[in-house]
């Protein structure tokens, strides 16, 4: 999902969420909202066919761990995680 301010919201399978600014890549920084919205999962990364850009989830996580300004990781609370898996 891409927000109006062009922030890319990437939900991970473990419940965490990455908030990614297009400034993470020169190609994404120049992309329109429509181009950013056309995104495909590659399993270990994501692909934007309209701007021919592939980026890895691992790279996003490493940037977030370093406190990079373009990527933020939101951890799901343990309580929310438990509720999400409760049947």
PDB file of N, CA and C in Angstrom:
ATOM      1  N   UNK A   1       0.840  -1.171   0.000  1.00  0.00           N
ATOM      2  CA  UNK A   1       0.000   0.000   0.000  1.00  0.00           C
ATOM      3  C   UNK A   1       0.893   1.245   0.000  1.00  0.00           C
ATOM      4  N   UNK A   2       0.456   2.275  -0.695  1.00  0.00           N
ATOM      5  CA  UNK A   2       1.184   3.539  -0.738  1.00  0.00           C
ATOM      6  C   UNK A   2       0.237   4.639  -0.274  1.00  0.00           C
ATOM      7  N   UNK A   3       0.700   5.432   0.668  1.00  0.00           N
ATOM      8  CA  UNK A   3      -0.110   6.544   1.176  1.00  0.00           C
ATOM      9  C   UNK A   3       0.034   7.751   0.252  1.00  0.00           C
ATOM     10  N   UNK A   4      -0.816   8.727   0.451  1.00  0.00           N
ATOM     11  CA  UNK A   4      -0.772   9.939  -0.388  1.00  0.00           C
ATOM     12  C   UNK A   4       0.560  10.658  -0.313  1.00  0.00           C
ATOM     13  N   UNK A   5       1.209  10.605   0.834  1.00  0.00           N
ATOM     14  CA  UNK A   5       2.513  11.271   0.959  1.00  0.00           C
ATOM     15  C   UNK A   5       3.634  10.411   0.385  1.00  0.00           C
ATOM     16  N   UNK A   6       3.243   9.350  -0.344  1.00  0.00           N
ATOM     17  CA  UNK A   6       4.144   8.425  -1.027  1.00  0.00           C
ATOM     18  C   UNK A   6       4.873   7.472  -0.092  1.00  0.00           C
ATOM     19  N   UNK A   7       4.519   7.432   1.193  1.00  0.00           N
ATOM     20  CA  UNK A   7       5.122   6.451   2.086  1.00  0.00           C
ATOM     21  C   UNK A   7       4.623   5.070   1.695  1.00  0.00           C
ATOM     22  N   UNK A   8       5.547   4.146   1.540  1.00  0.00           N
ATOM     23  CA  UNK A   8       5.220   2.772   1.164  1.00  0.00           C
ATOM     24  C   UNK A   8       5.053   1.981   2.461  1.00  0.00           C
ATOM     25  N   UNK A   9       3.928   1.317   2.609  1.00  0.00           N
ATOM     26  CA  UNK A   9       3.642   0.523   3.801  1.00  0.00           C
ATOM     27  C   UNK A   9       3.729  -0.943   3.410  1.00  0.00           C
ATOM     28  N   UNK A  10       4.693  -1.633   3.998  1.00  0.00           N
ATOM     29  CA  UNK A  10       4.941  -3.027   3.661  1.00  0.00           C
ATOM     30  C   UNK A  10       4.729  -3.889   4.898  1.00  0.00           C
ATOM     31  N   UNK A  11       3.675  -4.717   4.888  1.00  0.00           N
ATOM     32  CA  UNK A  11       3.393  -5.613   6.002  1.00  0.00           C
ATOM     33  C   UNK A  11       4.198  -6.902   5.856  1.00  0.00           C
ATOM     34  N   UNK A  12       4.884  -7.291   6.915  1.00  0.00           N
ATOM     35  CA  UNK A  12       5.684  -8.517   6.906  1.00  0.00           C
ATOM     36  C   UNK A  12       4.876  -9.678   7.474  1.00  0.00           C
ATOM     37  N   UNK A  13       5.251 -10.886   7.120  1.00  0.00           N
ATOM     38  CA  UNK A  13       4.489 -12.072   7.540  1.00  0.00           C
ATOM     39  C   UNK A  13       4.521 -12.291   9.047  1.00  0.00           C
ATOM     40  N   UNK A  14       5.498 -11.709   9.750  1.00  0.00           N
ATOM     41  CA  UNK A  14       5.578 -11.886  11.202  1.00  0.00           C
ATOM     42  C   UNK A  14       4.799 -10.826  11.972  1.00  0.00           C
ATOM     43  N   UNK A  15       4.053  -9.990  11.260  1.00  0.00           N
ATOM     44  CA  UNK A  15       3.220  -8.983  11.911  1.00  0.00           C
ATOM     45  C   UNK A  15       3.856  -7.611  11.998  1.00  0.00           C
ATOM     46  N   UNK A  16       5.143  -7.505  11.708  1.00  0.00           N
ATOM     47  CA  UNK A  16       5.784  -6.193  11.721  1.00  0.00           C
ATOM     48  C   UNK A  16       5.438  -5.443  10.437  1.00  0.00           C
ATOM     49  N   UNK A  17       5.613  -4.129  10.487  1.00  0.00           N
ATOM     50  CA  UNK A  17       5.311  -3.276   9.344  1.00  0.00           C
ATOM     51  C   UNK A  17       6.500  -2.376   9.069  1.00  0.00           C
ATOM     52  N   UNK A  18       6.854  -2.248   7.798  1.00  0.00           N
ATOM     53  CA  UNK A  18       7.895  -1.320   7.377  1.00  0.00           C
ATOM     54  C   UNK A  18       7.242  -0.101   6.742  1.00  0.00           C
ATOM     55  N   UNK A  19       7.678   1.072   7.143  1.00  0.00           N
ATOM     56  CA  UNK A  19       7.269   2.322   6.506  1.00  0.00           C
ATOM     57  C   UNK A  19       8.479   2.809   5.730  1.00  0.00           C
ATOM     58  N   UNK A  20       8.340   2.909   4.419  1.00  0.00           N
ATOM     59  CA  UNK A  20       9.473   3.195   3.547  1.00  0.00           C
ATOM     60  C   UNK A  20       9.226   4.482   2.770  1.00  0.00           C
ATOM     61  N   UNK A  21      10.153   5.409   2.875  1.00  0.00           N
ATOM     62  CA  UNK A  21      10.070   6.638   2.098  1.00  0.00           C
ATOM     63  C   UNK A  21      10.699   6.382   0.728  1.00  0.00           C
ATOM     64  N   UNK A  22      10.135   6.945  -0.317  1.00  0.00           N
ATOM     65  CA  UNK A  22      10.702   6.752  -1.653  1.00  0.00           C
ATOM     66  C   UNK A  22      12.158   7.204  -1.776  1.00  0.00           C
ATOM     67  N   UNK A  23      12.608   8.039  -0.866  1.00  0.00           N
ATOM     68  CA  UNK A  23      13.996   8.510  -0.916  1.00  0.00           C
ATOM     69  C   UNK A  23      15.000   7.390  -0.658  1.00  0.00           C
ATOM     70  N   UNK A  24      14.515   6.199  -0.332  1.00  0.00           N
ATOM     71  CA  UNK A  24      15.383   5.034  -0.140  1.00  0.00           C
ATOM     72  C   UNK A  24      16.092   4.671  -1.448  1.00  0.00           C
ATOM     73  N   UNK A  25      15.543   5.109  -2.566  1.00  0.00           N
ATOM     74  CA  UNK A  25      16.097   4.796  -3.882  1.00  0.00           C
ATOM     75  C   UNK A  25      15.859   5.978  -4.822  1.00  0.00           C
ATOM     76  N   UNK A  26      16.838   6.282  -5.636  1.00  0.00           N
ATOM     77  CA  UNK A  26      16.696   7.396  -6.594  1.00  0.00           C
ATOM     78  C   UNK A  26      15.531   7.149  -7.545  1.00  0.00           C
ATOM     79  N   UNK A  27      15.366   5.910  -7.985  1.00  0.00           N
ATOM     80  CA  UNK A  27      14.265   5.594  -8.903  1.00  0.00           C
ATOM     81  C   UNK A  27      12.912   5.763  -8.234  1.00  0.00           C
ATOM     82  N   UNK A  28      12.802   5.326  -6.997  1.00  0.00           N
ATOM     83  CA  UNK A  28      11.526   5.478  -6.293  1.00  0.00           C
ATOM     84  C   UNK A  28      11.256   6.949  -5.966  1.00  0.00           C
ATOM     85  N   UNK A  29      12.298   7.690  -5.677  1.00  0.00           N
ATOM     86  CA  UNK A  29      12.139   9.116  -5.357  1.00  0.00           C
ATOM     87  C   UNK A  29      11.550   9.890  -6.532  1.00  0.00           C
ATOM     88  N   UNK A  30      11.852   9.462  -7.753  1.00  0.00           N
ATOM     89  CA  UNK A  30      11.331  10.141  -8.954  1.00  0.00           C
ATOM     90  C   UNK A  30       9.975   9.591  -9.398  1.00  0.00           C
ATOM     91  N   UNK A  31       9.527   8.509  -8.789  1.00  0.00           N
ATOM     92  CA  UNK A  31       8.292   7.837  -9.220  1.00  0.00           C
ATOM     93  C   UNK A  31       7.039   8.604  -8.811  1.00  0.00           C
ATOM     94  N   UNK A  32       6.009   8.442  -9.611  1.00  0.00           N
ATOM     95  CA  UNK A  32       4.705   9.018  -9.281  1.00  0.00           C
ATOM     96  C   UNK A  32       3.999   8.091  -8.283  1.00  0.00           C
ATOM     97  N   UNK A  33       2.938   8.582  -7.703  1.00  0.00           N
ATOM     98  CA  UNK A  33       2.137   7.774  -6.783  1.00  0.00           C
ATOM     99  C   UNK A  33       1.621   6.515  -7.484  1.00  0.00           C
ATOM    100  N   UNK A  34       1.201   6.666  -8.709  1.00  0.00           N
ATOM    101  CA  UNK A  34       0.705   5.521  -9.484  1.00  0.00           C
ATOM    102  C   UNK A  34       1.811   4.480  -9.717  1.00  0.00           C
ATOM    103  N   UNK A  35       3.014   4.938 -10.049  1.00  0.00           N
ATOM    104  CA  UNK A  35       4.131   4.017 -10.255  1.00  0.00           C
ATOM    105  C   UNK A  35       4.522   3.309  -8.959  1.00  0.00           C
ATOM    106  N   UNK A  36       4.499   4.040  -7.855  1.00  0.00           N
ATOM    107  CA  UNK A  36       4.815   3.425  -6.566  1.00  0.00           C
ATOM    108  C   UNK A  36       3.777   2.386  -6.163  1.00  0.00           C
ATOM    109  N   UNK A  37       2.545   2.627  -6.544  1.00  0.00           N
ATOM    110  CA  UNK A  37       1.458   1.711  -6.174  1.00  0.00           C
ATOM    111  C   UNK A  37       1.513   0.401  -6.948  1.00  0.00           C
ATOM    112  N   UNK A  38       2.183   0.390  -8.094  1.00  0.00           N
ATOM    113  CA  UNK A  38       2.319  -0.827  -8.879  1.00  0.00           C
ATOM    114  C   UNK A  38       3.548  -1.574  -8.375  1.00  0.00           C
ATOM    115  N   UNK A  39       3.359  -2.401  -7.370  1.00  0.00           N
ATOM    116  CA  UNK A  39       4.447  -3.103  -6.708  1.00  0.00           C
ATOM    117  C   UNK A  39       4.120  -4.589  -6.626  1.00  0.00           C
ATOM    118  N   UNK A  40       5.147  -5.419  -6.756  1.00  0.00           N
ATOM    119  CA  UNK A  40       4.960  -6.873  -6.707  1.00  0.00           C
ATOM    120  C   UNK A  40       5.922  -7.493  -5.706  1.00  0.00           C
ATOM    121  N   UNK A  41       5.460  -8.516  -5.028  1.00  0.00           N
ATOM    122  CA  UNK A  41       6.302  -9.244  -4.086  1.00  0.00           C
ATOM    123  C   UNK A  41       7.214 -10.203  -4.837  1.00  0.00           C
ATOM    124  N   UNK A  42       8.461 -10.270  -4.393  1.00  0.00           N
ATOM    125  CA  UNK A  42       9.419 -11.206  -4.966  1.00  0.00           C
ATOM    126  C   UNK A  42       9.768 -12.309  -3.973  1.00  0.00           C
ATOM    127  N   UNK A  43       9.055 -12.399  -2.882  1.00  0.00           N
ATOM    128  CA  UNK A  43       9.371 -13.357  -1.834  1.00  0.00           C
ATOM    129  C   UNK A  43      10.342 -12.754  -0.837  1.00  0.00           C
ATOM    130  N   UNK A  44      11.568 -12.492  -1.275  1.00  0.00           N
ATOM    131  CA  UNK A  44      12.559 -11.893  -0.377  1.00  0.00           C
ATOM    132  C   UNK A  44      12.699 -10.392  -0.598  1.00  0.00           C
ATOM    133  N   UNK A  45      11.851  -9.845  -1.435  1.00  0.00           N
ATOM    134  CA  UNK A  45      11.923  -8.420  -1.727  1.00  0.00           C
ATOM    135  C   UNK A  45      10.695  -7.943  -2.464  1.00  0.00           C
ATOM    136  N   UNK A  46      10.805  -6.754  -3.013  1.00  0.00           N
ATOM    137  CA  UNK A  46       9.698  -6.162  -3.762  1.00  0.00           C
ATOM    138  C   UNK A  46      10.216  -5.593  -5.081  1.00  0.00           C
ATOM    139  N   UNK A  47       9.316  -5.540  -6.060  1.00  0.00           N
ATOM    140  CA  UNK A  47       9.660  -5.075  -7.403  1.00  0.00           C
ATOM    141  C   UNK A  47       8.649  -4.028  -7.852  1.00  0.00           C
ATOM    142  N   UNK A  48       9.164  -2.925  -8.372  1.00  0.00           N
ATOM    143  CA  UNK A  48       8.339  -1.875  -8.966  1.00  0.00           C
ATOM    144  C   UNK A  48       8.598  -1.915 -10.471  1.00  0.00           C
ATOM    145  N   UNK A  49       7.743  -2.591 -11.247  1.00  0.00           N
ATOM    146  CA  UNK A  49       7.997  -2.749 -12.682  1.00  0.00           C
ATOM    147  C   UNK A  49       8.001  -1.436 -13.460  1.00  0.00           C
ATOM    148  N   UNK A  50       7.192  -0.475 -13.053  1.00  0.00           N
ATOM    149  CA  UNK A  50       7.115   0.783 -13.799  1.00  0.00           C
ATOM    150  C   UNK A  50       8.395   1.607 -13.728  1.00  0.00           C
ATOM    151  N   UNK A  51       9.193   1.389 -12.687  1.00  0.00           N
ATOM    152  CA  UNK A  51      10.454   2.130 -12.551  1.00  0.00           C
ATOM    153  C   UNK A  51      11.659   1.188 -12.547  1.00  0.00           C
ATOM    154  N   UNK A  52      11.405  -0.099 -12.823  1.00  0.00           N
ATOM    155  CA  UNK A  52      12.442  -1.130 -12.903  1.00  0.00           C
ATOM    156  C   UNK A  52      13.343  -1.122 -11.671  1.00  0.00           C
ATOM    157  N   UNK A  53      12.728  -1.257 -10.501  1.00  0.00           N
ATOM    158  CA  UNK A  53      13.467  -1.246  -9.238  1.00  0.00           C
ATOM    159  C   UNK A  53      13.124  -2.485  -8.427  1.00  0.00           C
ATOM    160  N   UNK A  54      14.143  -3.154  -7.896  1.00  0.00           N
ATOM    161  CA  UNK A  54      13.992  -4.301  -7.003  1.00  0.00           C
ATOM    162  C   UNK A  54      14.753  -3.996  -5.725  1.00  0.00           C
ATOM    163  N   UNK A  55      14.093  -4.163  -4.583  1.00  0.00           N
ATOM    164  CA  UNK A  55      14.750  -3.934  -3.301  1.00  0.00           C
ATOM    165  C   UNK A  55      14.412  -5.087  -2.356  1.00  0.00           C
ATOM    166  N   UNK A  56      15.362  -5.440  -1.507  1.00  0.00           N
ATOM    167  CA  UNK A  56      15.167  -6.578  -0.607  1.00  0.00           C
ATOM    168  C   UNK A  56      14.592  -6.145   0.739  1.00  0.00           C
ATOM    169  N   UNK A  57      13.792  -7.020   1.313  1.00  0.00           N
ATOM    170  CA  UNK A  57      13.261  -6.787   2.655  1.00  0.00           C
ATOM    171  C   UNK A  57      14.426  -6.754   3.643  1.00  0.00           C
ATOM    172  N   UNK A  58      15.400  -7.615   3.448  1.00  0.00           N
ATOM    173  CA  UNK A  58      16.574  -7.634   4.325  1.00  0.00           C
ATOM    174  C   UNK A  58      17.260  -6.268   4.359  1.00  0.00           C
ATOM    175  N   UNK A  59      17.413  -5.655   3.192  1.00  0.00           N
ATOM    176  CA  UNK A  59      18.016  -4.325   3.133  1.00  0.00           C
ATOM    177  C   UNK A  59      17.196  -3.292   3.889  1.00  0.00           C
ATOM    178  N   UNK A  60      15.873  -3.372   3.762  1.00  0.00           N
ATOM    179  CA  UNK A  60      15.004  -2.448   4.508  1.00  0.00           C
ATOM    180  C   UNK A  60      15.178  -2.648   6.013  1.00  0.00           C
ATOM    181  N   UNK A  61      15.213  -3.906   6.454  1.00  0.00           N
ATOM    182  CA  UNK A  61      15.370  -4.206   7.880  1.00  0.00           C
ATOM    183  C   UNK A  61      16.721  -3.713   8.403  1.00  0.00           C
ATOM    184  N   UNK A  62      17.768  -3.866   7.608  1.00  0.00           N
ATOM    185  CA  UNK A  62      19.094  -3.390   8.009  1.00  0.00           C
ATOM    186  C   UNK A  62      19.107  -1.867   8.135  1.00  0.00           C
ATOM    187  N   UNK A  63      18.466  -1.190   7.196  1.00  0.00           N
ATOM    188  CA  UNK A  63      18.388   0.278   7.271  1.00  0.00           C
ATOM    189  C   UNK A  63      17.624   0.714   8.501  1.00  0.00           C
ATOM    190  N   UNK A  64      16.521   0.034   8.788  1.00  0.00           N
ATOM    191  CA  UNK A  64      15.715   0.379   9.961  1.00  0.00           C
ATOM    192  C   UNK A  64      16.519   0.164  11.240  1.00  0.00           C
ATOM    193  N   UNK A  65      17.293  -0.914  11.311  1.00  0.00           N
ATOM    194  CA  UNK A  65      18.109  -1.209  12.494  1.00  0.00           C
ATOM    195  C   UNK A  65      19.188  -0.148  12.713  1.00  0.00           C
ATOM    196  N   UNK A  66      19.706   0.399  11.625  1.00  0.00           N
ATOM    197  CA  UNK A  66      20.723   1.459  11.714  1.00  0.00           C
ATOM    198  C   UNK A  66      20.110   2.825  12.004  1.00  0.00           C
ATOM    199  N   UNK A  67      18.797   2.898  11.990  1.00  0.00           N
ATOM    200  CA  UNK A  67      18.149   4.185  12.222  1.00  0.00           C
ATOM    201  C   UNK A  67      18.147   5.071  11.001  1.00  0.00           C
ATOM    202  N   UNK A  68      18.209   4.465   9.831  1.00  0.00           N
ATOM    203  CA  UNK A  68      18.199   5.234   8.586  1.00  0.00           C
ATOM    204  C   UNK A  68      16.938   6.071   8.465  1.00  0.00           C
ATOM    205  N   UNK A  69      17.031   7.249   7.866  1.00  0.00           N
ATOM    206  CA  UNK A  69      15.876   8.153   7.792  1.00  0.00           C
ATOM    207  C   UNK A  69      14.789   7.716   6.806  1.00  0.00           C
ATOM    208  N   UNK A  70      15.103   6.773   5.931  1.00  0.00           N
ATOM    209  CA  UNK A  70      14.139   6.402   4.890  1.00  0.00           C
ATOM    210  C   UNK A  70      13.287   5.185   5.225  1.00  0.00           C
ATOM    211  N   UNK A  71      13.648   4.431   6.274  1.00  0.00           N
ATOM    212  CA  UNK A  71      12.914   3.212   6.603  1.00  0.00           C
ATOM    213  C   UNK A  71      12.669   3.153   8.104  1.00  0.00           C
ATOM    214  N   UNK A  72      11.426   2.857   8.463  1.00  0.00           N
ATOM    215  CA  UNK A  72      11.062   2.721   9.883  1.00  0.00           C
ATOM    216  C   UNK A  72      10.352   1.394  10.070  1.00  0.00           C
ATOM    217  N   UNK A  73      10.719   0.657  11.112  1.00  0.00           N
ATOM    218  CA  UNK A  73      10.097  -0.623  11.420  1.00  0.00           C
ATOM    219  C   UNK A  73       9.167  -0.446  12.595  1.00  0.00           C
ATOM    220  N   UNK A  74       7.934  -0.913  12.440  1.00  0.00           N
ATOM    221  CA  UNK A  74       6.959  -0.862  13.529  1.00  0.00           C
ATOM    222  C   UNK A  74       6.758  -2.286  14.028  1.00  0.00           C
ATOM    223  N   UNK A  75       7.114  -2.507  15.279  1.00  0.00           N
ATOM    224  CA  UNK A  75       6.958  -3.825  15.895  1.00  0.00           C
ATOM    225  C   UNK A  75       5.536  -3.946  16.422  1.00  0.00           C
ATOM    226  N   UNK A  76       4.942  -5.087  16.181  1.00  0.00           N
ATOM    227  CA  UNK A  76       3.614  -5.357  16.729  1.00  0.00           C
ATOM    228  C   UNK A  76       3.812  -5.797  18.173  1.00  0.00           C
ATOM    229  N   UNK A  77       2.972  -5.289  19.055  1.00  0.00           N
ATOM    230  CA  UNK A  77       3.108  -5.660  20.459  1.00  0.00           C
ATOM    231  C   UNK A  77       2.836  -7.147  20.655  1.00  0.00           C
ATOM    232  N   UNK A  78       3.427  -7.725  21.704  1.00  0.00           N
ATOM    233  CA  UNK A  78       3.230  -9.138  21.998  1.00  0.00           C
ATOM    234  C   UNK A  78       1.749  -9.445  22.207  1.00  0.00           C
ATOM    235  N   UNK A  79       1.049  -8.552  22.878  1.00  0.00           N
ATOM    236  CA  UNK A  79      -0.385  -8.753  23.136  1.00  0.00           C
ATOM    237  C   UNK A  79      -1.167  -8.776  21.823  1.00  0.00           C
ATOM    238  N   UNK A  80      -0.875  -7.831  20.930  1.00  0.00           N
ATOM    239  CA  UNK A  80      -1.575  -7.778  19.641  1.00  0.00           C
ATOM    240  C   UNK A  80      -1.244  -9.012  18.808  1.00  0.00           C
ATOM    241  N   UNK A  81       0.028  -9.464  18.891  1.00  0.00           N
ATOM    242  CA  UNK A  81       0.436 -10.639  18.146  1.00  0.00           C
ATOM    243  C   UNK A  81      -0.317 -11.872  18.649  1.00  0.00           C
ATOM    244  N   UNK A  82      -0.462 -11.997  19.967  1.00  0.00           N
ATOM    245  CA  UNK A  82      -1.197 -13.122  20.545  1.00  0.00           C
ATOM    246  C   UNK A  82      -2.662 -13.096  20.124  1.00  0.00           C
ATOM    247  N   UNK A  83      -3.264 -11.914  20.131  1.00  0.00           N
ATOM    248  CA  UNK A  83      -4.662 -11.787  19.749  1.00  0.00           C
ATOM    249  C   UNK A  83      -4.855 -12.127  18.273  1.00  0.00           C
ATOM    250  N   UNK A  84      -3.867 -11.771  17.448  1.00  0.00           N
ATOM    251  CA  UNK A  84      -3.980 -12.023  16.007  1.00  0.00           C
ATOM    252  C   UNK A  84      -3.959 -13.516  15.704  1.00  0.00           C
ATOM    253  N   UNK A  85      -3.300 -14.298  16.533  1.00  0.00           N
ATOM    254  CA  UNK A  85      -3.184 -15.731  16.268  1.00  0.00           C
ATOM    255  C   UNK A  85      -4.149 -16.566  17.103  1.00  0.00           C
ATOM    256  N   UNK A  86      -4.893 -15.927  17.993  1.00  0.00           N
ATOM    257  CA  UNK A  86      -5.859 -16.658  18.805  1.00  0.00           C
ATOM    258  C   UNK A  86      -7.058 -17.047  17.954  1.00  0.00           C
ATOM    259  N   UNK A  87      -7.555 -18.265  18.156  1.00  0.00           N
ATOM    260  CA  UNK A  87      -8.715 -18.730  17.397  1.00  0.00           C
ATOM    261  C   UNK A  87      -9.860 -18.965  18.343  1.00  0.00           C
TER     262      UNK A  87
END
